[in-house]
Amino acid sequence: MVYTFNIDDSTEKGQAILNLLKSFGMLEKGNPDIDIPIWQKEEVQRRIEELDKDPQSGINFNQSMDRLGAKYGL
């Protein structure tokens, strides 16, 4: 059985839980069953760099959803 938890690693308790899980060899980051293509990783990196250069070029979630809705008639 596999469980997935969200642990806040910015807190002392979160760090303690993560250290405990690491000591038992029970900690994995991400999903090893998902193979992300190289092109997609490169595209994400390109977009991050673009946003770092011009933070005002980004849009928020609601703006993204509005654009998708308008484009696809949702």
N, C-alpha and C. Protein backbone atom coordinates (compact mmCIF):
# COMPACT_ATOMS: atom_id res chain seq x y z
N MET A 1 0.85 -1.17 0.00
CA MET A 1 0.00 0.00 0.00
C MET A 1 0.89 1.24 0.00
N VAL A 2 0.52 2.23 -0.79
CA VAL A 2 1.28 3.47 -0.89
C VAL A 2 0.41 4.62 -0.42
N TYR A 3 0.98 5.46 0.43
CA TYR A 3 0.29 6.65 0.91
C TYR A 3 1.04 7.89 0.44
N THR A 4 0.29 8.94 0.17
CA THR A 4 0.90 10.22 -0.21
C THR A 4 0.48 11.26 0.82
N PHE A 5 1.47 11.99 1.34
CA PHE A 5 1.22 13.03 2.33
C PHE A 5 1.85 14.33 1.89
N ASN A 6 1.26 15.43 2.27
CA ASN A 6 1.86 16.74 2.10
C ASN A 6 2.40 17.16 3.46
N ILE A 7 3.71 17.34 3.54
CA ILE A 7 4.36 17.70 4.80
C ILE A 7 5.03 19.05 4.62
N ASP A 8 4.71 19.97 5.52
CA ASP A 8 5.29 21.32 5.47
C ASP A 8 6.71 21.26 6.01
N ASP A 9 7.69 21.29 5.10
CA ASP A 9 9.08 21.15 5.53
C ASP A 9 9.68 22.46 6.05
N SER A 10 8.87 23.50 6.14
CA SER A 10 9.36 24.77 6.69
C SER A 10 9.17 24.83 8.21
N THR A 11 8.55 23.79 8.78
CA THR A 11 8.35 23.77 10.23
C THR A 11 9.27 22.74 10.88
N GLU A 12 9.48 22.91 12.15
CA GLU A 12 10.33 21.97 12.90
C GLU A 12 9.70 20.58 12.93
N LYS A 13 8.39 20.53 13.13
CA LYS A 13 7.70 19.23 13.16
C LYS A 13 7.76 18.55 11.79
N GLY A 14 7.58 19.33 10.74
CA GLY A 14 7.67 18.77 9.39
C GLY A 14 9.03 18.19 9.11
N GLN A 15 10.08 18.89 9.51
CA GLN A 15 11.45 18.40 9.33
C GLN A 15 11.67 17.12 10.12
N ALA A 16 11.13 17.06 11.34
CA ALA A 16 11.29 15.87 12.17
C ALA A 16 10.62 14.66 11.52
N ILE A 17 9.44 14.86 10.96
CA ILE A 17 8.73 13.76 10.28
C ILE A 17 9.52 13.30 9.07
N LEU A 18 10.03 14.25 8.28
CA LEU A 18 10.81 13.89 7.09
C LEU A 18 12.08 13.13 7.47
N ASN A 19 12.75 13.58 8.51
CA ASN A 19 13.96 12.89 8.96
C ASN A 19 13.65 11.47 9.43
N LEU A 20 12.53 11.29 10.12
CA LEU A 20 12.13 9.96 10.57
C LEU A 20 11.87 9.04 9.39
N LEU A 21 11.11 9.55 8.41
CA LEU A 21 10.81 8.74 7.23
C LEU A 21 12.09 8.40 6.45
N LYS A 22 13.01 9.37 6.34
CA LYS A 22 14.28 9.11 5.68
C LYS A 22 15.06 8.02 6.39
N SER A 23 15.04 8.04 7.72
CA SER A 23 15.82 7.05 8.48
C SER A 23 15.30 5.64 8.26
N PHE A 24 14.03 5.51 7.90
CA PHE A 24 13.46 4.19 7.61
C PHE A 24 13.53 3.86 6.12
N GLY A 25 14.09 4.77 5.32
CA GLY A 25 14.16 4.54 3.87
C GLY A 25 12.80 4.56 3.22
N MET A 26 11.89 5.33 3.77
CA MET A 26 10.51 5.33 3.29
C MET A 26 10.12 6.61 2.55
N LEU A 27 11.09 7.40 2.16
CA LEU A 27 10.76 8.69 1.58
C LEU A 27 11.15 8.75 0.11
N GLU A 28 10.19 9.10 -0.72
CA GLU A 28 10.42 9.30 -2.14
C GLU A 28 9.83 10.63 -2.51
N LYS A 29 10.52 11.36 -3.36
CA LYS A 29 9.96 12.60 -3.89
C LYS A 29 9.37 12.33 -5.25
N GLY A 30 8.21 12.86 -5.49
CA GLY A 30 7.60 12.72 -6.80
C GLY A 30 7.05 11.32 -7.04
N ASN A 31 6.67 11.08 -8.25
CA ASN A 31 6.10 9.80 -8.65
C ASN A 31 7.05 9.15 -9.65
N PRO A 32 7.76 8.10 -9.23
CA PRO A 32 8.72 7.46 -10.13
C PRO A 32 8.08 6.79 -11.34
N ASP A 33 6.75 6.59 -11.30
CA ASP A 33 6.06 5.95 -12.42
C ASP A 33 5.77 6.91 -13.57
N ILE A 34 5.99 8.21 -13.33
CA ILE A 34 5.72 9.21 -14.36
C ILE A 34 7.03 9.58 -15.04
N ASP A 35 7.08 9.35 -16.34
CA ASP A 35 8.27 9.68 -17.12
C ASP A 35 8.00 10.99 -17.85
N ILE A 36 8.65 12.06 -17.41
CA ILE A 36 8.45 13.37 -18.02
C ILE A 36 9.44 13.51 -19.17
N PRO A 37 8.94 13.77 -20.38
CA PRO A 37 9.83 13.89 -21.54
C PRO A 37 10.83 15.04 -21.39
N ILE A 38 11.99 14.88 -21.98
CA ILE A 38 13.04 15.89 -21.93
C ILE A 38 12.53 17.23 -22.48
N TRP A 39 11.80 17.19 -23.60
CA TRP A 39 11.32 18.44 -24.21
C TRP A 39 10.45 19.21 -23.24
N GLN A 40 9.66 18.50 -22.43
CA GLN A 40 8.77 19.18 -21.49
C GLN A 40 9.57 19.81 -20.35
N LYS A 41 10.59 19.12 -19.86
CA LYS A 41 11.45 19.67 -18.83
C LYS A 41 12.16 20.92 -19.34
N GLU A 42 12.63 20.86 -20.60
CA GLU A 42 13.31 22.01 -21.20
C GLU A 42 12.37 23.19 -21.37
N GLU A 43 11.13 22.91 -21.76
CA GLU A 43 10.14 23.98 -21.93
C GLU A 43 9.82 24.65 -20.60
N VAL A 44 9.68 23.86 -19.56
CA VAL A 44 9.43 24.42 -18.23
C VAL A 44 10.60 25.31 -17.80
N GLN A 45 11.81 24.83 -18.02
CA GLN A 45 13.00 25.62 -17.67
C GLN A 45 13.03 26.92 -18.47
N ARG A 46 12.70 26.87 -19.76
CA ARG A 46 12.67 28.07 -20.59
C ARG A 46 11.66 29.08 -20.05
N ARG A 47 10.49 28.59 -19.68
CA ARG A 47 9.45 29.48 -19.16
C ARG A 47 9.84 30.09 -17.82
N ILE A 48 10.49 29.32 -16.98
CA ILE A 48 10.96 29.84 -15.68
C ILE A 48 11.97 30.95 -15.92
N GLU A 49 12.92 30.72 -16.82
CA GLU A 49 13.93 31.73 -17.13
C GLU A 49 13.29 32.99 -17.71
N GLU A 50 12.30 32.81 -18.56
CA GLU A 50 11.59 33.94 -19.16
C GLU A 50 10.88 34.75 -18.07
N LEU A 51 10.25 34.06 -17.15
CA LEU A 51 9.55 34.74 -16.06
C LEU A 51 10.52 35.43 -15.11
N ASP A 52 11.68 34.82 -14.88
CA ASP A 52 12.71 35.47 -14.05
C ASP A 52 13.18 36.78 -14.67
N LYS A 53 13.31 36.79 -16.00
CA LYS A 53 13.77 38.00 -16.71
C LYS A 53 12.72 39.10 -16.67
N ASP A 54 11.44 38.71 -16.78
CA ASP A 54 10.34 39.68 -16.84
C ASP A 54 9.16 39.17 -16.02
N PRO A 55 9.19 39.38 -14.70
CA PRO A 55 8.12 38.87 -13.83
C PRO A 55 6.73 39.39 -14.20
N GLN A 56 6.65 40.56 -14.80
CA GLN A 56 5.35 41.12 -15.18
C GLN A 56 4.72 40.40 -16.37
N SER A 57 5.50 39.54 -17.04
CA SER A 57 4.97 38.83 -18.21
C SER A 57 4.07 37.66 -17.81
N GLY A 58 4.14 37.27 -16.56
CA GLY A 58 3.33 36.14 -16.11
C GLY A 58 1.89 36.52 -15.85
N ILE A 59 1.02 35.53 -15.88
CA ILE A 59 -0.39 35.75 -15.55
C ILE A 59 -0.77 34.79 -14.44
N ASN A 60 -1.81 35.14 -13.68
CA ASN A 60 -2.22 34.30 -12.57
C ASN A 60 -3.18 33.19 -13.04
N PHE A 61 -3.55 32.33 -12.12
CA PHE A 61 -4.39 31.18 -12.43
C PHE A 61 -5.73 31.61 -13.04
N ASN A 62 -6.37 32.60 -12.44
CA ASN A 62 -7.68 33.03 -12.94
C ASN A 62 -7.58 33.59 -14.36
N GLN A 63 -6.52 34.34 -14.65
CA GLN A 63 -6.33 34.84 -16.00
C GLN A 63 -6.12 33.68 -16.97
N SER A 64 -5.36 32.69 -16.56
CA SER A 64 -5.14 31.51 -17.40
C SER A 64 -6.46 30.81 -17.71
N MET A 65 -7.27 30.62 -16.68
CA MET A 65 -8.56 29.95 -16.87
C MET A 65 -9.48 30.76 -17.78
N ASP A 66 -9.46 32.09 -17.62
CA ASP A 66 -10.27 32.94 -18.49
C ASP A 66 -9.84 32.81 -19.95
N ARG A 67 -8.54 32.79 -20.19
CA ARG A 67 -8.03 32.64 -21.56
C ARG A 67 -8.43 31.29 -22.15
N LEU A 68 -8.29 30.23 -21.36
CA LEU A 68 -8.68 28.90 -21.85
C LEU A 68 -10.17 28.84 -22.14
N GLY A 69 -10.95 29.44 -21.24
CA GLY A 69 -12.40 29.47 -21.45
C GLY A 69 -12.78 30.19 -22.73
N ALA A 70 -12.13 31.32 -22.97
CA ALA A 70 -12.42 32.10 -24.17
C ALA A 70 -11.96 31.34 -25.43
N LYS A 71 -10.81 30.72 -25.34
CA LYS A 71 -10.27 30.00 -26.51
C LYS A 71 -11.11 28.78 -26.88
N TYR A 72 -11.57 28.04 -25.87
CA TYR A 72 -12.27 26.78 -26.12
C TYR A 72 -13.76 26.85 -25.85
N GLY A 73 -14.27 28.05 -25.59
CA GLY A 73 -15.71 28.21 -25.37
C GLY A 73 -16.23 27.50 -24.14
N LEU A 74 -15.45 27.54 -23.08
CA LEU A 74 -15.85 26.86 -21.83
C LEU A 74 -16.58 27.81 -20.90
